[in-house]
Amino acid sequence: MPALFTHTEWPACPRMLFGLRAPILERDEFFATASVMNDSDTPFPPSDMIITARWQFANGHGTTIPIKLSKGELGKGQGKTEPATGPARIAAQASGYAQLYLSYEPSDMASNIRNGGFLYDTAHRRIDADGKYSVAQFPVASITELLTLRALWLAVVAAVLSGVGVLLTVLLRR
């Protein structure tokens, strides 16, 4: 049977922006993990398997999370979680979106599907073994974008206050 693939990522130093959690900024550090959980009755995987999760940034740089599984390593309800390789913290490399690509071997899909050696995500969609398509993403903002948003927010607040002032002036003259 197939296994569930999950991932988590969170900023090393979360910051707040107008009461909301701010996006990860360019050059911010974040943590990432990848997990595989067997939720079937049969042991997973049916053969030795290497799962490679890769966070890739807009400039092509990225970080890899390998998960090596031996045949039948995960029993019912068991899982395996691995952190990103390299330093515990990963620096966001470029603004845009960080994309998560997933590939695994053996990648013979006909054999994997027949033997139940494939992965699916939390929305119960099968994840292709070739790693061509992104399975998740999160935004990475540049510092300039964030400063622009702050300036726009201040402009909106100033416009609202001006509108209230004009409205009060009109109402008080009557």
N, C-alpha and C. Protein backbone atom coordinates (compact mmCIF):
# COMPACT_ATOMS: atom_id res chain seq x y z
N MET A 1 0.84 -1.20 0.00
CA MET A 1 0.00 0.00 0.00
C MET A 1 0.88 1.25 0.00
N PRO A 2 0.30 2.37 -0.41
CA PRO A 2 1.08 3.61 -0.45
C PRO A 2 1.33 4.17 0.94
N ALA A 3 2.21 5.17 0.98
CA ALA A 3 2.54 5.83 2.24
C ALA A 3 2.29 7.32 2.10
N LEU A 4 2.02 7.97 3.22
CA LEU A 4 1.75 9.40 3.26
C LEU A 4 3.06 10.18 3.38
N PHE A 5 3.24 11.18 2.52
CA PHE A 5 4.39 12.08 2.59
C PHE A 5 3.91 13.41 3.15
N THR A 6 4.60 13.92 4.18
CA THR A 6 4.29 15.24 4.72
C THR A 6 5.58 16.04 4.86
N HIS A 7 5.44 17.33 4.99
CA HIS A 7 6.59 18.21 5.14
C HIS A 7 6.20 19.35 6.06
N THR A 8 7.19 19.92 6.72
CA THR A 8 6.98 21.12 7.53
C THR A 8 8.14 22.07 7.30
N GLU A 9 7.84 23.33 7.39
CA GLU A 9 8.88 24.35 7.30
C GLU A 9 8.40 25.53 8.14
N TRP A 10 9.33 26.15 8.81
CA TRP A 10 8.98 27.28 9.68
C TRP A 10 10.19 28.19 9.80
N PRO A 11 9.94 29.49 9.96
CA PRO A 11 11.06 30.44 10.05
C PRO A 11 11.83 30.26 11.35
N ALA A 12 13.14 30.47 11.29
CA ALA A 12 13.98 30.36 12.49
C ALA A 12 13.65 31.47 13.47
N CYS A 13 13.35 32.65 12.98
CA CYS A 13 13.01 33.81 13.82
C CYS A 13 11.72 34.42 13.28
N PRO A 14 10.56 33.91 13.69
CA PRO A 14 9.31 34.46 13.16
C PRO A 14 9.13 35.92 13.58
N ARG A 15 8.57 36.70 12.70
CA ARG A 15 8.30 38.10 13.00
C ARG A 15 6.84 38.37 12.67
N MET A 16 6.32 39.38 13.29
CA MET A 16 4.93 39.76 13.07
C MET A 16 4.87 41.02 12.21
N LEU A 17 3.85 41.09 11.37
CA LEU A 17 3.63 42.24 10.51
C LEU A 17 2.15 42.59 10.60
N PHE A 18 1.84 43.69 11.26
CA PHE A 18 0.46 44.14 11.44
C PHE A 18 -0.39 43.04 12.09
N GLY A 19 0.17 42.36 13.07
CA GLY A 19 -0.56 41.34 13.79
C GLY A 19 -0.60 39.98 13.11
N LEU A 20 -0.03 39.87 11.92
CA LEU A 20 0.01 38.60 11.19
C LEU A 20 1.46 38.14 11.08
N ARG A 21 1.64 36.84 10.93
CA ARG A 21 2.99 36.33 10.76
C ARG A 21 3.53 36.79 9.41
N ALA A 22 4.66 37.44 9.41
CA ALA A 22 5.26 37.97 8.19
C ALA A 22 5.82 36.82 7.35
N PRO A 23 5.91 37.02 6.03
CA PRO A 23 6.48 35.98 5.18
C PRO A 23 7.98 35.82 5.44
N ILE A 24 8.51 34.69 5.01
CA ILE A 24 9.95 34.49 5.09
C ILE A 24 10.59 35.44 4.09
N LEU A 25 11.62 36.15 4.55
CA LEU A 25 12.30 37.11 3.69
C LEU A 25 13.53 36.49 3.06
N GLU A 26 13.95 37.09 1.98
CA GLU A 26 15.20 36.72 1.33
C GLU A 26 16.32 36.75 2.38
N ARG A 27 17.12 35.73 2.43
CA ARG A 27 18.24 35.55 3.36
C ARG A 27 17.79 35.21 4.79
N ASP A 28 16.48 35.10 5.04
CA ASP A 28 16.03 34.59 6.33
C ASP A 28 16.36 33.12 6.43
N GLU A 29 16.52 32.64 7.63
CA GLU A 29 16.77 31.22 7.83
C GLU A 29 15.47 30.54 8.23
N PHE A 30 15.31 29.29 7.78
CA PHE A 30 14.14 28.52 8.15
C PHE A 30 14.54 27.06 8.35
N PHE A 31 13.69 26.33 9.03
CA PHE A 31 13.88 24.90 9.26
C PHE A 31 12.95 24.14 8.34
N ALA A 32 13.35 22.93 7.95
CA ALA A 32 12.49 22.10 7.10
C ALA A 32 12.68 20.64 7.46
N THR A 33 11.59 19.88 7.43
CA THR A 33 11.64 18.44 7.62
C THR A 33 10.76 17.77 6.58
N ALA A 34 11.02 16.51 6.33
CA ALA A 34 10.20 15.68 5.45
C ALA A 34 9.89 14.39 6.19
N SER A 35 8.66 13.89 6.04
CA SER A 35 8.23 12.69 6.76
C SER A 35 7.49 11.74 5.83
N VAL A 36 7.65 10.47 6.12
CA VAL A 36 6.89 9.42 5.43
C VAL A 36 6.24 8.57 6.50
N MET A 37 4.93 8.30 6.35
CA MET A 37 4.23 7.49 7.33
C MET A 37 3.45 6.39 6.62
N ASN A 38 3.60 5.18 7.10
CA ASN A 38 2.86 4.05 6.56
C ASN A 38 1.51 3.97 7.26
N ASP A 39 0.44 4.17 6.50
CA ASP A 39 -0.88 4.08 7.11
C ASP A 39 -1.67 2.88 6.59
N SER A 40 -0.93 1.90 6.09
CA SER A 40 -1.59 0.67 5.62
C SER A 40 -1.22 -0.49 6.54
N ASP A 41 -1.82 -1.63 6.30
CA ASP A 41 -1.57 -2.82 7.12
C ASP A 41 -0.30 -3.56 6.72
N THR A 42 0.17 -3.34 5.50
CA THR A 42 1.36 -4.05 5.03
C THR A 42 2.60 -3.19 5.24
N PRO A 43 3.75 -3.81 5.45
CA PRO A 43 4.99 -3.05 5.63
C PRO A 43 5.31 -2.22 4.38
N PHE A 44 5.94 -1.07 4.61
CA PHE A 44 6.33 -0.17 3.52
C PHE A 44 7.81 0.13 3.63
N PRO A 45 8.54 0.26 2.59
CA PRO A 45 8.21 0.06 1.19
C PRO A 45 8.34 -1.40 0.78
N PRO A 46 7.80 -1.77 -0.40
CA PRO A 46 7.92 -3.15 -0.85
C PRO A 46 9.34 -3.52 -1.28
N SER A 47 10.17 -2.51 -1.53
CA SER A 47 11.59 -2.73 -1.84
C SER A 47 12.36 -1.53 -1.29
N ASP A 48 13.70 -1.63 -1.27
CA ASP A 48 14.49 -0.49 -0.78
C ASP A 48 14.11 0.76 -1.56
N MET A 49 14.05 1.88 -0.86
CA MET A 49 13.58 3.12 -1.48
C MET A 49 14.38 4.31 -0.98
N ILE A 50 14.68 5.23 -1.87
CA ILE A 50 15.31 6.50 -1.51
C ILE A 50 14.36 7.60 -1.95
N ILE A 51 13.94 8.42 -1.00
CA ILE A 51 13.05 9.54 -1.27
C ILE A 51 13.88 10.82 -1.14
N THR A 52 13.79 11.68 -2.13
CA THR A 52 14.54 12.93 -2.10
C THR A 52 13.57 14.10 -2.21
N ALA A 53 13.50 14.90 -1.14
CA ALA A 53 12.69 16.11 -1.15
C ALA A 53 13.65 17.28 -1.33
N ARG A 54 13.35 18.16 -2.27
CA ARG A 54 14.25 19.29 -2.55
C ARG A 54 13.47 20.59 -2.59
N TRP A 55 13.82 21.49 -1.65
CA TRP A 55 13.28 22.85 -1.70
C TRP A 55 14.15 23.63 -2.68
N GLN A 56 13.53 24.20 -3.71
CA GLN A 56 14.28 24.94 -4.71
C GLN A 56 13.75 26.38 -4.79
N PHE A 57 14.68 27.33 -4.82
CA PHE A 57 14.31 28.74 -4.86
C PHE A 57 14.32 29.26 -6.30
N ALA A 58 13.82 30.47 -6.48
CA ALA A 58 13.69 31.06 -7.82
C ALA A 58 15.03 31.15 -8.55
N ASN A 59 16.13 31.28 -7.83
CA ASN A 59 17.44 31.40 -8.49
C ASN A 59 18.09 30.04 -8.76
N GLY A 60 17.38 28.95 -8.47
CA GLY A 60 17.90 27.61 -8.76
C GLY A 60 18.60 26.95 -7.59
N HIS A 61 18.99 27.71 -6.56
CA HIS A 61 19.61 27.11 -5.39
C HIS A 61 18.54 26.38 -4.57
N GLY A 62 18.99 25.49 -3.71
CA GLY A 62 18.03 24.78 -2.88
C GLY A 62 18.70 23.95 -1.82
N THR A 63 17.89 23.18 -1.14
CA THR A 63 18.38 22.27 -0.12
C THR A 63 17.65 20.94 -0.25
N THR A 64 18.32 19.86 0.09
CA THR A 64 17.80 18.52 -0.12
C THR A 64 17.57 17.81 1.20
N ILE A 65 16.50 17.02 1.24
CA ILE A 65 16.21 16.18 2.40
C ILE A 65 16.08 14.74 1.89
N PRO A 66 17.10 13.90 2.12
CA PRO A 66 16.99 12.50 1.68
C PRO A 66 16.39 11.63 2.79
N ILE A 67 15.55 10.69 2.39
CA ILE A 67 15.01 9.70 3.32
C ILE A 67 15.29 8.33 2.71
N LYS A 68 16.08 7.54 3.42
CA LYS A 68 16.42 6.19 2.94
C LYS A 68 15.58 5.19 3.72
N LEU A 69 14.89 4.32 3.00
CA LEU A 69 14.05 3.30 3.63
C LEU A 69 14.45 1.92 3.12
N SER A 70 14.59 0.99 4.05
CA SER A 70 14.86 -0.40 3.68
C SER A 70 13.53 -1.10 3.44
N LYS A 71 13.57 -2.19 2.72
CA LYS A 71 12.36 -2.96 2.42
C LYS A 71 11.63 -3.30 3.73
N GLY A 72 10.35 -2.92 3.79
CA GLY A 72 9.51 -3.25 4.95
C GLY A 72 9.87 -2.53 6.23
N GLU A 73 10.65 -1.45 6.18
CA GLU A 73 11.12 -0.76 7.39
C GLU A 73 9.98 -0.17 8.22
N LEU A 74 8.95 0.32 7.55
CA LEU A 74 7.86 0.97 8.27
C LEU A 74 6.66 0.04 8.40
N GLY A 75 6.34 -0.31 9.64
CA GLY A 75 5.14 -1.10 9.90
C GLY A 75 3.92 -0.20 9.93
N LYS A 76 2.77 -0.77 10.21
CA LYS A 76 1.53 0.00 10.26
C LYS A 76 1.65 1.13 11.29
N GLY A 77 1.35 2.35 10.83
CA GLY A 77 1.36 3.51 11.71
C GLY A 77 2.74 4.07 12.02
N GLN A 78 3.79 3.46 11.52
CA GLN A 78 5.14 3.96 11.77
C GLN A 78 5.53 4.99 10.72
N GLY A 79 6.40 5.90 11.12
CA GLY A 79 6.87 6.92 10.20
C GLY A 79 8.35 7.19 10.39
N LYS A 80 8.88 7.96 9.48
CA LYS A 80 10.28 8.37 9.56
C LYS A 80 10.35 9.83 9.13
N THR A 81 11.02 10.64 9.95
CA THR A 81 11.16 12.07 9.68
C THR A 81 12.64 12.41 9.60
N GLU A 82 12.98 13.19 8.60
CA GLU A 82 14.37 13.62 8.42
C GLU A 82 14.41 15.14 8.29
N PRO A 83 15.41 15.77 8.92
CA PRO A 83 15.59 17.22 8.73
C PRO A 83 16.36 17.49 7.45
N ALA A 84 16.38 18.74 7.05
CA ALA A 84 17.14 19.13 5.87
C ALA A 84 18.63 18.85 6.11
N THR A 85 19.34 18.49 5.05
CA THR A 85 20.76 18.22 5.18
C THR A 85 21.53 19.53 5.31
N GLY A 86 22.74 19.44 5.74
CA GLY A 86 23.55 20.64 5.91
C GLY A 86 23.25 21.29 7.24
N PRO A 87 23.38 22.60 7.32
CA PRO A 87 23.11 23.27 8.59
C PRO A 87 21.65 23.11 8.99
N ALA A 88 21.39 23.21 10.28
CA ALA A 88 20.03 23.07 10.77
C ALA A 88 19.14 24.17 10.21
N ARG A 89 19.73 25.32 9.95
CA ARG A 89 18.97 26.42 9.38
C ARG A 89 19.34 26.59 7.90
N ILE A 90 18.36 26.87 7.09
CA ILE A 90 18.58 27.05 5.66
C ILE A 90 18.25 28.50 5.33
N ALA A 91 19.08 29.16 4.57
CA ALA A 91 18.81 30.54 4.18
C ALA A 91 17.98 30.57 2.91
N ALA A 92 16.87 31.32 2.94
CA ALA A 92 16.07 31.52 1.73
C ALA A 92 16.94 32.26 0.72
N GLN A 93 17.05 31.73 -0.49
CA GLN A 93 18.03 32.22 -1.45
C GLN A 93 17.56 33.36 -2.34
N ALA A 94 16.28 33.41 -2.66
CA ALA A 94 15.80 34.43 -3.59
C ALA A 94 14.32 34.67 -3.35
N SER A 95 13.86 35.88 -3.70
CA SER A 95 12.44 36.16 -3.54
C SER A 95 11.66 35.41 -4.62
N GLY A 96 10.38 35.24 -4.39
CA GLY A 96 9.52 34.48 -5.29
C GLY A 96 8.88 33.38 -4.48
N TYR A 97 8.89 32.18 -5.00
CA TYR A 97 8.34 31.03 -4.28
C TYR A 97 9.40 29.96 -4.13
N ALA A 98 9.44 29.35 -2.96
CA ALA A 98 10.27 28.16 -2.77
C ALA A 98 9.38 26.98 -3.13
N GLN A 99 9.83 26.15 -4.03
CA GLN A 99 9.06 25.00 -4.52
C GLN A 99 9.63 23.71 -3.95
N LEU A 100 8.76 22.80 -3.53
CA LEU A 100 9.20 21.50 -3.04
C LEU A 100 8.99 20.46 -4.14
N TYR A 101 10.09 19.85 -4.56
CA TYR A 101 10.04 18.78 -5.55
C TYR A 101 10.38 17.47 -4.85
N LEU A 102 9.70 16.42 -5.23
CA LEU A 102 9.88 15.12 -4.59
C LEU A 102 10.14 14.07 -5.65
N SER A 103 11.18 13.29 -5.46
CA SER A 103 11.44 12.16 -6.34
C SER A 103 11.79 10.96 -5.47
N TYR A 104 11.57 9.78 -6.01
CA TYR A 104 11.93 8.58 -5.26
C TYR A 104 12.27 7.44 -6.20
N GLU A 105 13.10 6.56 -5.69
CA GLU A 105 13.54 5.39 -6.44
C GLU A 105 13.32 4.15 -5.60
N PRO A 106 12.96 3.01 -6.13
CA PRO A 106 12.85 2.79 -7.57
C PRO A 106 11.69 3.59 -8.13
N SER A 107 11.90 4.15 -9.31
CA SER A 107 10.90 5.04 -9.89
C SER A 107 10.06 4.37 -10.98
N ASP A 108 10.16 3.07 -11.11
CA ASP A 108 9.34 2.33 -12.06
C ASP A 108 7.89 2.39 -11.58
N MET A 109 7.14 3.35 -12.13
CA MET A 109 5.79 3.59 -11.62
C MET A 109 4.87 2.37 -11.75
N ALA A 110 4.95 1.64 -12.86
CA ALA A 110 4.07 0.47 -13.02
C ALA A 110 4.32 -0.52 -11.89
N SER A 111 5.59 -0.77 -11.60
CA SER A 111 5.95 -1.68 -10.51
C SER A 111 5.55 -1.10 -9.16
N ASN A 112 5.79 0.21 -8.96
CA ASN A 112 5.43 0.84 -7.69
C ASN A 112 3.94 0.81 -7.43
N ILE A 113 3.14 1.11 -8.44
CA ILE A 113 1.70 1.11 -8.25
C ILE A 113 1.20 -0.30 -7.97
N ARG A 114 1.70 -1.27 -8.71
CA ARG A 114 1.28 -2.66 -8.52
C ARG A 114 1.67 -3.16 -7.13
N ASN A 115 2.86 -2.78 -6.66
CA ASN A 115 3.34 -3.25 -5.36
C ASN A 115 2.99 -2.30 -4.21
N GLY A 116 2.35 -1.18 -4.52
CA GLY A 116 1.98 -0.23 -3.47
C GLY A 116 3.14 0.62 -2.98
N GLY A 117 4.19 0.74 -3.76
CA GLY A 117 5.37 1.50 -3.33
C GLY A 117 5.37 2.93 -3.81
N PHE A 118 4.25 3.60 -3.69
CA PHE A 118 4.24 5.01 -4.08
C PHE A 118 3.77 5.87 -2.92
N LEU A 119 3.92 7.17 -3.08
CA LEU A 119 3.59 8.12 -2.03
C LEU A 119 2.39 8.96 -2.43
N TYR A 120 1.68 9.46 -1.44
CA TYR A 120 0.60 10.41 -1.70
C TYR A 120 0.70 11.53 -0.68
N ASP A 121 0.05 12.66 -0.99
CA ASP A 121 0.11 13.82 -0.10
C ASP A 121 -1.12 13.88 0.80
N THR A 122 -1.21 14.93 1.61
CA THR A 122 -2.30 15.04 2.58
C THR A 122 -3.66 15.23 1.92
N ALA A 123 -3.67 15.62 0.64
CA ALA A 123 -4.93 15.74 -0.11
C ALA A 123 -5.25 14.43 -0.83
N HIS A 124 -4.53 13.36 -0.53
CA HIS A 124 -4.71 12.02 -1.10
C HIS A 124 -4.48 11.98 -2.61
N ARG A 125 -3.54 12.81 -3.09
CA ARG A 125 -3.12 12.77 -4.49
C ARG A 125 -1.80 12.01 -4.58
N ARG A 126 -1.72 11.12 -5.56
CA ARG A 126 -0.48 10.36 -5.74
C ARG A 126 0.62 11.31 -6.20
N ILE A 127 1.81 11.14 -5.65
CA ILE A 127 2.97 11.95 -6.01
C ILE A 127 3.80 11.16 -7.00
N ASP A 128 4.02 11.74 -8.19
CA ASP A 128 4.83 11.07 -9.20
C ASP A 128 6.26 10.95 -8.72
N ALA A 129 6.92 9.88 -9.13
CA ALA A 129 8.28 9.58 -8.66
C ALA A 129 9.36 10.40 -9.35
N ASP A 130 9.04 11.05 -10.47
CA ASP A 130 10.09 11.68 -11.27
C ASP A 130 10.52 13.07 -10.78
N GLY A 131 9.80 13.68 -9.86
CA GLY A 131 10.20 14.97 -9.31
C GLY A 131 10.06 16.14 -10.26
N LYS A 132 9.24 16.02 -11.30
CA LYS A 132 9.08 17.11 -12.27
C LYS A 132 8.13 18.20 -11.79
N TYR A 133 7.22 17.83 -10.90
CA TYR A 133 6.18 18.78 -10.49
C TYR A 133 6.33 19.13 -9.02
N SER A 134 6.07 20.37 -8.72
CA SER A 134 6.14 20.85 -7.34
C SER A 134 4.97 20.29 -6.55
N VAL A 135 5.25 19.79 -5.34
CA VAL A 135 4.17 19.27 -4.49
C VAL A 135 3.78 20.26 -3.41
N ALA A 136 4.56 21.31 -3.23
CA ALA A 136 4.24 22.35 -2.23
C ALA A 136 5.07 23.59 -2.53
N GLN A 137 4.67 24.70 -1.94
CA GLN A 137 5.42 25.94 -2.11
C GLN A 137 5.12 26.88 -0.95
N PHE A 138 6.03 27.82 -0.75
CA PHE A 138 5.75 28.91 0.18
C PHE A 138 6.42 30.17 -0.35
N PRO A 139 5.82 31.34 -0.06
CA PRO A 139 6.36 32.58 -0.61
C PRO A 139 7.61 33.04 0.14
N VAL A 140 8.52 33.62 -0.60
CA VAL A 140 9.70 34.25 -0.04
C VAL A 140 9.71 35.68 -0.57
N ALA A 141 9.63 36.65 0.34
CA ALA A 141 9.56 38.06 -0.06
C ALA A 141 10.94 38.70 0.01
N SER A 142 11.14 39.68 -0.84
CA SER A 142 12.38 40.45 -0.74
C SER A 142 12.16 41.57 0.27
N ILE A 143 13.22 42.09 0.81
CA ILE A 143 13.13 43.17 1.79
C ILE A 143 12.48 44.39 1.13
N THR A 144 12.79 44.65 -0.13
CA THR A 144 12.19 45.78 -0.85
C THR A 144 10.68 45.61 -0.96
N GLU A 145 10.22 44.37 -1.25
CA GLU A 145 8.78 44.13 -1.32
C GLU A 145 8.12 44.41 0.02
N LEU A 146 8.74 43.96 1.09
CA LEU A 146 8.17 44.17 2.42
C LEU A 146 8.11 45.65 2.77
N LEU A 147 9.16 46.40 2.44
CA LEU A 147 9.15 47.84 2.69
C LEU A 147 8.08 48.54 1.85
N THR A 148 7.88 48.08 0.63
CA THR A 148 6.83 48.64 -0.22
C THR A 148 5.45 48.37 0.39
N LEU A 149 5.24 47.16 0.89
CA LEU A 149 3.97 46.84 1.54
C LEU A 149 3.74 47.70 2.77
N ARG A 150 4.77 47.92 3.54
CA ARG A 150 4.63 48.79 4.72
C ARG A 150 4.28 50.21 4.31
N ALA A 151 4.92 50.72 3.26
CA ALA A 151 4.63 52.07 2.78
C ALA A 151 3.19 52.15 2.27
N LEU A 152 2.74 51.14 1.55
CA LEU A 152 1.35 51.12 1.06
C LEU A 152 0.37 51.07 2.23
N TRP A 153 0.69 50.29 3.25
CA TRP A 153 -0.17 50.21 4.44
C TRP A 153 -0.28 51.58 5.10
N LEU A 154 0.83 52.27 5.24
CA LEU A 154 0.81 53.61 5.82
C LEU A 154 0.00 54.58 4.94
N ALA A 155 0.10 54.44 3.63
CA ALA A 155 -0.68 55.29 2.73
C ALA A 155 -2.17 55.02 2.88
N VAL A 156 -2.56 53.77 3.04
CA VAL A 156 -3.97 53.43 3.25
C VAL A 156 -4.46 54.01 4.56
N VAL A 157 -3.69 53.87 5.62
CA VAL A 157 -4.07 54.43 6.93
C VAL A 157 -4.22 55.95 6.81
N ALA A 158 -3.28 56.62 6.14
CA ALA A 158 -3.35 58.07 5.97
C ALA A 158 -4.59 58.46 5.17
N ALA A 159 -4.92 57.70 4.12
CA ALA A 159 -6.10 58.00 3.31
C ALA A 159 -7.38 57.83 4.12
N VAL A 160 -7.45 56.78 4.93
CA VAL A 160 -8.63 56.55 5.77
C VAL A 160 -8.78 57.68 6.78
N LEU A 161 -7.70 58.06 7.43
CA LEU A 161 -7.76 59.16 8.39
C LEU A 161 -8.16 60.47 7.72
N SER A 162 -7.66 60.72 6.51
CA SER A 162 -8.06 61.93 5.77
C SER A 162 -9.54 61.89 5.44
N GLY A 163 -10.02 60.73 5.02
CA GLY A 163 -11.44 60.58 4.70
C GLY A 163 -12.32 60.81 5.92
N VAL A 164 -11.91 60.29 7.05
CA VAL A 164 -12.65 60.51 8.30
C VAL A 164 -12.64 61.99 8.65
N GLY A 165 -11.51 62.65 8.49
CA GLY A 165 -11.41 64.08 8.77
C GLY A 165 -12.33 64.90 7.87
N VAL A 166 -12.36 64.59 6.58
CA VAL A 166 -13.24 65.30 5.64
C VAL A 166 -14.70 65.05 6.01
N LEU A 167 -15.04 63.82 6.32
CA LEU A 167 -16.41 63.47 6.69
C LEU A 167 -16.83 64.22 7.96
N LEU A 168 -15.97 64.26 8.96
CA LEU A 168 -16.29 65.00 10.19
C LEU A 168 -16.44 66.50 9.92
N THR A 169 -15.61 67.05 9.06
CA THR A 169 -15.70 68.46 8.72
C THR A 169 -17.05 68.77 8.07
N VAL A 170 -17.46 67.94 7.12
CA VAL A 170 -18.73 68.13 6.42
C VAL A 170 -19.90 68.00 7.39
N LEU A 171 -19.85 67.00 8.25
CA LEU A 171 -20.95 66.77 9.20
C LEU A 171 -21.04 67.87 10.25
N LEU A 172 -19.91 68.40 10.68
CA LEU A 172 -19.92 69.44 11.72
C LEU A 172 -20.33 70.80 11.19
N ARG A 173 -20.21 71.06 9.91
CA ARG A 173 -20.61 72.34 9.31
C ARG A 173 -22.11 72.43 9.14
N ARG A 174 -22.81 71.36 9.19
CA ARG A 174 -24.26 71.38 9.01
C ARG A 174 -24.94 71.86 10.19
